[in-house]
Amino acid sequence: MSKIALITGATSGIGEACAHVFAQQGYDLILLARREDRLAKIAHHFDAKYAIKIRSVVADVRDKINLSAVLEDLQTEWKNVDVLINNAGLSRGLEPINEGNTDNWDAMIDTNVKGLLYTTKIVSNWMVKNKNGHIVNIGSIAGKEVYPNGNVYCASKHAVDALNKAMRIDLLPHGIKVTGIHPGAVETEFSIVRFDGDEEKAKKVYDGFEPLIADDIADAIWYAVSRPKHVNINDMVIMPTAQASGTMIKRN
């Protein structure tokens, strides 16, 4: 019987890269994302490329009522999730706290923290029932340190870091693994979203050095998930060689 991975934010970046890695390893996939058109294209591509089963779930992790409805509506066999990758997340704005946009704050907290919690609440109960599972939460170097104008985004990722530890304790009696993955600079849609679609400004973030790419993080996630049953990778911080901290980057 094939294993199942549920990936949130599956239509781009790290989520899409994880989907490819787990499909290559023979996992059936539940791909969850907001963008229905892109989700349909990706599902079609995967269906043609890999000999696996795919379920596409159109949902916004911030909407707990709809999220619960669409996940609980899955057929029973799809609830035997072995791996949950809580990847959906974003950053918006880069202003000091006194100039922050509260709508951006809500978007980050609702997605990065509450959305992760809503998804985990549902899927962890399936895992408890099955006495099996591995939860991978995508954090950030911003969850390990705080940098100028990162205020609310850093706070949201610090919350993810705390939740990794809390989940590990709470789910210990059920044998469920929990891993935190904390990337540094990864070139994905992340910066485009942070700068409200300004691609020129987003590109400058990665000028003069080689950042990580989504495949690097997906590879690390697969490493963590593929360890023997008695081994859990609690925490992994992954940086480009050119990056020493959230703000220290060697540029050419």
Protein backbone atom coordinates (compact mmCIF):
# COMPACT_ATOMS: atom_id res chain seq x y z
CA MET A 1 0.00 0.00 0.00
CA SER A 2 1.39 3.40 -1.01
CA LYS A 3 2.16 6.03 1.58
CA ILE A 4 0.41 9.41 1.46
CA ALA A 5 1.84 12.91 1.81
CA LEU A 6 -0.37 15.98 2.27
CA ILE A 7 1.33 19.21 1.18
CA THR A 8 -0.10 22.68 1.75
CA GLY A 9 0.89 25.55 -0.52
CA ALA A 10 1.55 22.92 -3.16
CA THR A 11 1.33 25.04 -6.32
CA SER A 12 4.71 26.77 -6.18
CA GLY A 13 8.12 26.99 -4.54
CA ILE A 14 8.97 24.56 -1.78
CA GLY A 15 5.53 22.94 -1.82
CA GLU A 16 5.70 22.08 -5.51
CA ALA A 17 9.30 20.87 -5.16
CA CYS A 18 8.27 18.60 -2.27
CA ALA A 19 5.45 17.20 -4.37
CA HIS A 20 7.95 16.16 -7.06
CA VAL A 21 10.32 14.55 -4.55
CA PHE A 22 7.62 12.57 -2.78
CA ALA A 23 6.02 11.53 -6.08
CA GLN A 24 9.42 10.25 -7.24
CA GLN A 25 9.54 8.18 -4.06
CA GLY A 26 6.15 6.62 -4.84
CA TYR A 27 3.98 8.56 -2.39
CA ASP A 28 0.38 9.29 -3.29
CA LEU A 29 -0.26 13.01 -2.88
CA ILE A 30 -2.90 15.30 -1.46
CA LEU A 31 -2.06 18.69 -2.94
CA LEU A 32 -3.73 21.57 -1.13
CA ALA A 33 -3.61 25.16 -2.41
CA ARG A 34 -5.73 28.25 -3.04
CA ARG A 35 -5.10 28.68 -6.80
CA GLU A 36 -7.51 26.29 -8.48
CA ASP A 37 -6.23 26.82 -12.03
CA ARG A 38 -2.60 26.24 -11.11
CA LEU A 39 -3.51 23.28 -8.92
CA ALA A 40 -5.35 21.67 -11.83
CA LYS A 41 -2.32 22.13 -14.13
CA ILE A 42 0.09 20.67 -11.59
CA ALA A 43 -2.19 17.72 -10.86
CA HIS A 44 -2.49 17.00 -14.59
CA HIS A 45 1.29 17.18 -15.00
CA PHE A 46 1.89 14.84 -12.06
CA ASP A 47 -0.75 12.42 -13.28
CA ALA A 48 1.07 12.14 -16.62
CA LYS A 49 4.57 11.95 -15.13
CA TYR A 50 4.27 9.72 -12.06
CA ALA A 51 2.59 6.38 -11.37
CA ILE A 52 0.83 7.66 -8.25
CA LYS A 53 -2.63 8.75 -7.14
CA ILE A 54 -3.35 12.45 -6.63
CA ARG A 55 -6.11 14.33 -4.83
CA SER A 56 -6.33 18.06 -5.41
CA VAL A 57 -7.86 20.10 -2.60
CA VAL A 58 -8.70 23.74 -3.26
CA ALA A 59 -8.66 25.53 0.08
CA ASP A 60 -7.20 28.46 1.95
CA VAL A 61 -5.62 27.31 5.21
CA ARG A 62 -6.84 30.54 6.84
CA ASP A 63 -10.48 29.49 6.41
CA LYS A 64 -10.90 26.91 9.15
CA ILE A 65 -14.52 26.08 8.34
CA ASN A 66 -13.95 25.42 4.66
CA LEU A 67 -10.61 23.72 5.32
CA SER A 68 -12.21 21.31 7.77
CA ALA A 69 -15.07 20.61 5.37
CA VAL A 70 -12.91 19.79 2.36
CA LEU A 71 -10.41 17.67 4.30
CA GLU A 72 -12.99 15.73 6.28
CA ASP A 73 -14.85 15.13 3.02
CA LEU A 74 -11.93 13.08 1.72
CA GLN A 75 -12.55 9.37 1.37
CA THR A 76 -11.40 7.28 4.32
CA GLU A 77 -8.39 5.82 2.52
CA TRP A 78 -7.05 9.35 1.89
CA LYS A 79 -7.05 10.04 5.63
CA ASN A 80 -4.22 7.56 6.16
CA VAL A 81 -1.74 10.43 5.81
CA ASP A 82 1.84 9.43 6.61
CA VAL A 83 3.45 12.84 6.10
CA LEU A 84 1.99 16.32 6.53
CA ILE A 85 4.10 19.17 5.14
CA ASN A 86 2.83 22.48 6.50
CA ASN A 87 4.36 24.64 3.80
CA ALA A 88 1.72 27.33 3.18
CA GLY A 89 3.13 30.61 4.40
CA LEU A 90 3.99 34.13 3.34
CA SER A 91 5.60 37.42 4.24
CA ARG A 92 4.08 40.79 3.41
CA GLY A 93 5.71 44.15 3.85
CA LEU A 94 9.07 45.21 5.23
CA GLU A 95 8.36 48.23 7.39
CA PRO A 96 9.23 49.17 10.97
CA ILE A 97 6.54 48.26 13.51
CA ASN A 98 5.12 51.80 13.74
CA GLU A 99 4.58 51.92 9.97
CA GLY A 100 3.27 48.39 9.53
CA ASN A 101 0.16 47.55 7.53
CA THR A 102 -2.24 45.71 9.83
CA ASP A 103 -3.83 43.88 6.91
CA ASN A 104 -0.39 42.43 6.14
CA TRP A 105 0.01 41.48 9.81
CA ASP A 106 -3.32 39.63 9.72
CA ALA A 107 -2.37 37.80 6.52
CA MET A 108 0.92 36.58 8.01
CA ILE A 109 -0.48 35.53 11.37
CA ASP A 110 -3.57 33.93 9.83
CA THR A 111 -1.53 31.94 7.30
CA ASN A 112 1.77 31.19 9.04
CA VAL A 113 0.38 30.41 12.48
CA LYS A 114 -3.37 29.86 12.48
CA GLY A 115 -3.44 28.12 9.09
CA LEU A 116 -0.71 25.75 10.21
CA LEU A 117 -2.69 25.04 13.40
CA TYR A 118 -5.98 24.46 11.60
CA THR A 119 -4.39 21.97 9.20
CA THR A 120 -2.45 20.20 11.93
CA LYS A 121 -5.51 19.87 14.18
CA ILE A 122 -7.35 17.92 11.48
CA VAL A 123 -4.52 15.77 10.15
CA SER A 124 -2.89 15.03 13.51
CA ASN A 125 -6.15 13.47 14.68
CA TRP A 126 -6.01 11.12 11.70
CA MET A 127 -2.42 10.29 12.61
CA VAL A 128 -3.31 9.67 16.26
CA LYS A 129 -6.04 7.28 15.15
CA ASN A 130 -3.60 5.50 12.82
CA LYS A 131 -0.76 5.58 15.41
CA ASN A 132 1.57 6.79 12.69
CA GLY A 133 2.70 10.01 11.10
CA HIS A 134 5.34 12.66 10.51
CA ILE A 135 4.58 16.40 10.57
CA VAL A 136 7.05 18.74 8.85
CA ASN A 137 6.58 22.44 9.56
CA ILE A 138 8.32 24.95 7.31
CA GLY A 139 9.75 27.73 9.45
CA SER A 140 12.48 30.20 8.57
CA ILE A 141 15.72 31.68 9.78
CA ALA A 142 13.28 34.42 10.86
CA GLY A 143 12.05 31.95 13.47
CA LYS A 144 15.54 31.73 14.98
CA GLU A 145 16.48 35.44 15.03
CA VAL A 146 14.88 38.84 14.48
CA TYR A 147 16.06 41.31 11.85
CA PRO A 148 15.19 44.95 11.13
CA ASN A 149 11.66 45.46 9.80
CA GLY A 150 10.93 41.75 10.06
CA ASN A 151 8.84 42.24 13.23
CA VAL A 152 5.53 40.41 12.60
CA TYR A 153 6.90 37.93 10.08
CA CYS A 154 9.67 37.00 12.52
CA ALA A 155 7.10 36.71 15.30
CA SER A 156 4.97 34.36 13.20
CA LYS A 157 7.93 32.10 12.44
CA HIS A 158 9.07 32.17 16.08
CA ALA A 159 5.57 30.86 16.82
CA VAL A 160 6.13 28.02 14.35
CA ASP A 161 9.41 27.20 16.11
CA ALA A 162 7.59 27.02 19.46
CA LEU A 163 4.82 24.91 17.95
CA ASN A 164 7.36 22.41 16.64
CA LYS A 165 8.48 21.79 20.22
CA ALA A 166 4.94 21.76 21.60
CA MET A 167 3.67 19.34 18.94
CA ARG A 168 6.62 17.04 19.56
CA ILE A 169 5.71 16.87 23.26
CA ASP A 170 1.95 16.53 22.78
CA LEU A 171 2.20 13.88 20.06
CA LEU A 172 4.99 11.88 21.69
CA PRO A 173 2.58 9.32 23.25
CA HIS A 174 1.26 8.55 19.76
CA GLY A 175 4.65 7.99 18.11
CA ILE A 176 4.19 10.91 15.70
CA LYS A 177 7.37 12.63 14.53
CA VAL A 178 7.64 16.41 14.21
CA THR A 179 10.38 18.18 12.25
CA GLY A 180 11.05 21.90 11.86
CA ILE A 181 12.76 23.06 8.65
CA HIS A 182 14.17 26.59 8.75
CA PRO A 183 15.49 27.94 5.43
CA GLY A 184 17.53 31.07 4.90
CA ALA A 185 17.35 32.86 1.55
CA VAL A 186 15.43 30.69 -0.94
CA GLU A 187 14.60 32.11 -4.37
CA THR A 188 10.87 31.41 -4.85
CA GLU A 189 7.72 33.55 -5.11
CA PHE A 190 8.35 34.52 -1.48
CA SER A 191 9.99 37.89 -2.16
CA ILE A 192 7.50 38.77 -4.91
CA VAL A 193 4.67 38.35 -2.40
CA ARG A 194 6.60 40.30 0.26
CA PHE A 195 6.93 43.25 -2.13
CA ASP A 196 3.32 43.12 -3.38
CA GLY A 197 4.21 41.72 -6.80
CA ASP A 198 7.13 44.06 -7.51
CA GLU A 199 9.40 41.61 -9.34
CA GLU A 200 12.25 44.09 -9.80
CA LYS A 201 12.45 44.76 -6.07
CA ALA A 202 12.14 41.04 -5.36
CA LYS A 203 15.04 40.15 -7.67
CA LYS A 204 17.37 42.54 -5.83
CA VAL A 205 17.04 40.41 -2.70
CA TYR A 206 19.12 37.72 -4.42
CA ASP A 207 21.59 39.96 -6.27
CA GLY A 208 25.26 39.08 -5.97
CA PHE A 209 25.07 35.64 -4.37
CA GLU A 210 23.69 32.17 -5.01
CA PRO A 211 20.58 31.60 -2.91
CA LEU A 212 18.99 28.29 -2.09
CA ILE A 213 16.33 26.97 -4.45
CA ALA A 214 13.15 25.12 -3.59
CA ASP A 215 14.69 21.77 -4.56
CA ASP A 216 17.36 22.19 -1.87
CA ILE A 217 14.70 22.41 0.82
CA ALA A 218 12.63 19.57 -0.62
CA ASP A 219 15.74 17.39 -0.60
CA ALA A 220 16.33 18.20 3.08
CA ILE A 221 12.71 17.43 3.92
CA TRP A 222 12.96 14.07 2.19
CA TYR A 223 16.14 13.33 4.17
CA ALA A 224 14.28 14.01 7.43
CA VAL A 225 11.24 11.96 6.45
CA SER A 226 13.27 9.02 5.14
CA ARG A 227 15.15 8.33 8.39
CA PRO A 228 14.48 5.02 10.18
CA LYS A 229 11.41 4.83 12.41
CA HIS A 230 13.44 5.28 15.61
CA VAL A 231 15.16 8.46 14.30
CA ASN A 232 13.60 11.93 14.26
CA ILE A 233 15.26 15.06 12.89
CA ASN A 234 13.91 17.65 15.32
CA ASP A 235 15.25 20.79 13.71
CA MET A 236 17.15 21.77 10.59
CA VAL A 237 18.45 25.25 9.69
CA ILE A 238 19.48 25.45 6.02
CA MET A 239 21.38 28.42 4.63
CA PRO A 240 23.11 29.34 1.38
CA THR A 241 26.88 29.17 1.79
CA ALA A 242 26.94 32.94 1.25
CA GLN A 243 24.58 33.61 4.17
CA ALA A 244 25.68 33.59 7.82
CA SER A 245 22.54 35.02 9.46
CA GLY A 246 19.25 36.64 8.54
CA THR A 247 21.03 39.84 7.53
CA MET A 248 24.66 38.82 6.87
CA ILE A 249 25.12 37.85 3.21
CA LYS A 250 28.36 37.90 1.21
CA ARG A 251 27.55 39.49 -2.14
CA ASN A 252 29.88 39.72 -5.12
